[in-house]
Structure formats: C-alpha cells, structure tokens
Amino acid sequence: MGSKRRSKWVGIILLALLTASLLSVTALAKNEDVKGKVVIYTSMYEDIIEEIERTISKEFPNLDVVFFYGGTGTLQAKIAAELDAGMLGCDMLMVAEPSYSLELKELGILHSYLTPARENLAFEYDPEGYWYPVRVCNMVLAYNPEKYSLDEIPTSFYDFAYDESVAGYISMSNPLTSGTALASISALRDKYGYEYYEALGRQQVMVESGSVALTKLETGECKVIMILEESVLKKREEDFSELEVIYPTDGTIIIPSTIMSIAEEHSANANIAAVEAITDWFLSPAGQEAIVNGWMHSVLKDFPKLPYDAIPTAEIQANHTPIDWEATYKEREEMRTKFEEAVKLGR
C-alpha cells in the first residue's frame, strides 16, 4: 500500500475514533442531566441485575436507579395488588415475555415513548411505543456429556416429552411462576397440542428451578433438561462446566423479554425524562453489551457480540418455534390449569 493511501486510511480511522469518543462524551454529558429516582421491577437473575446496576450507575451518575427482583408470578401478583391500591411502586418493568406487556397496555397503565432506537431493533416491538424487546432469552435443552453421550439424549422438544428412555430423568421450570416457561409451553401447545402436556406428565418431568435442574444434570439425576440457554452459558463460563446446550432440532423457543415504562399518573416517582433516557440506553449498543455480558442475546440488528459460547442469533432465528403472544396472554390461565392437571405439580 502506498504512503498516500496508507495516510488516507489512518486519517479515516482516527476520525472514526474521534467521532466515537465525542459521541461518548456527549452521551455521558446528557446522562448526567438525568436526575431523581427510578424503580425497576425485573425478572432478570439477581447476579445479572447487580452487574447491570453497577454499569447503569456509571452511565447515570446523578440518578438513583433501584431494581426489585421477582419471578414473573411474583411480579404479576405484586403489580395486581398495587393496582388495587391505586399506585404502582415502580416506574419501569423488565419482564420475561411480551404477553404480559399486552395485558398491561390493555389496562392503560403504560407510557408511550417512540425511542429512536426502534429503527435498529431486530425483534417485534409495540408500534405505539408501549413496550420494546430488551434482551433475548432462548429456551433450549441441555445435557452432561460426562454422564451421557449425545446419541442417547433427546435433541428435540418432541422427544423430550415422548422418548421413554429418559422418563423420570427430565426437568423444566414451572410455567405457573416463570414467564419464560409459560411462553415455552404456549409455543409447544401450538406445535403439538395439549397432548404434549400429558406426555410430560407420563415422562414424570420434574418441575423445579433452573439451578436445581443444573445440579441434577451434573450429578446424573437428570439426563436432559429444558432450560434457558443463558443459565448453561453462565455456568460454562463462571464454573468451567462441561454441561452443553442442545439447540432443539424442532426449533429453539425464542423469547424476547420486554422493557416498559409506567404512565406518569400511575408510577412511583413520575420521572418520565429518566425512564425515557433509560429506555434509550438499554436499547443502545452500550446497554446491549451489558445484556450480552449477562449471557443473553442482543435485540439489535447485526450486533457484533454474542453471549459466551453461544451460536449466532441469526442461526437460532433460522430454526425456531414461534409463539403467539396474544394467545399466551388470553389463554394463560387455561394453559396453566391444563399443565398443572397433566403434570400434577407437587406430586
């Protein structure tokens, strides 16, 4: 390469770096103007929240951001009680899946905000700006190659419920309390019918937390489990675990978890400027990097970074089982009842 041409490219690179630096300084200055308090109810894992809390406190140094963690069932019960009392204790929500967002929008308690970031989203969002995807959770299968070989393990959701060789050795989360588990049984009901729930019951599926299921996978008490991809990836990175993700041959269940803001008249702190700024940040490359560092996939188009040890998001999207979010909302109680009857929880 000639010296003139080399100088040209060096100049372009330096200009790009300078522009990025200036944008970063501008964003920081803007975020320093965001003040007051914001309370966020979220179903994200507590250790992931702690890391995001540290990051967001640096991005918004003059804003007091408080996270309250609870499973989907816990948050739904808490919000219902607060609505009865006439005022919510939060300003924002980051929940497991979009069907609950549809319900809250219908109740008229959400704040509409058309973030500029919506143009770069790779997943569905509310066109009126009432909710956006903020992180992608994938329901997958997992097994322990130190205990069993892959050729004796189901590699599809169908075989998870119908392969008798693993009966009594399978586990999943509880759709009565977990939003991602509810989304999963909704997708599997649409694909295989309510008979799928009955098959899970015959398989004597254990219904328990992901941490318990992972422990049983390590000890060999479970041969295969239905679990969120992020739980396995986290264990692989932090504990150097040999547990492996199986992306089901009949389609991974993709669950875009949502972010929403509460309308000013219903919110705890009535801090609309702050909740809009936080929404923008979470949907920015910086916010999405924090999400990916938490072993979840980004919601942005062509985001350059993947969670540790994950396959590309586009590859997962190419073979996935769709979810009808409207039906998941409207038929939630029916599905939970059918599941509970078929699986006989607490037996």
Foldseek 3Di string as FASTA:
>chain_A
DDPVVVVVVVVVVVVVVVVVVVVVVVQQVVLQPQADEFEEEEQDDPVLVVLVLVVVCSSNVHYHYHYDHDAPLVVVVQQVVLVVVPAHAGFKYWYFFCLVLVVVVVVVFFDFDDAPLVVFFPDDDDPRRFKDFQFKKWWFKKAACVQDPPVQDALALQCLLVVLVQQQQEEEEALNGHVVVLQVLQLVCVVPNLVSLLSNQRSLYHYDDPVVSVVCRVVVSHGMYTDIQLVVLCCCVPVVGRMDTRQHPQAIAMGRTMMTGTCQSRRNTSSVVNSSSVVNQSSDLNNQVSNLCSVTHGRGPPNPDHRHPDDDPVVRVVRHRDGDSNCSNVCVVVSSVSNCVSNVPPD
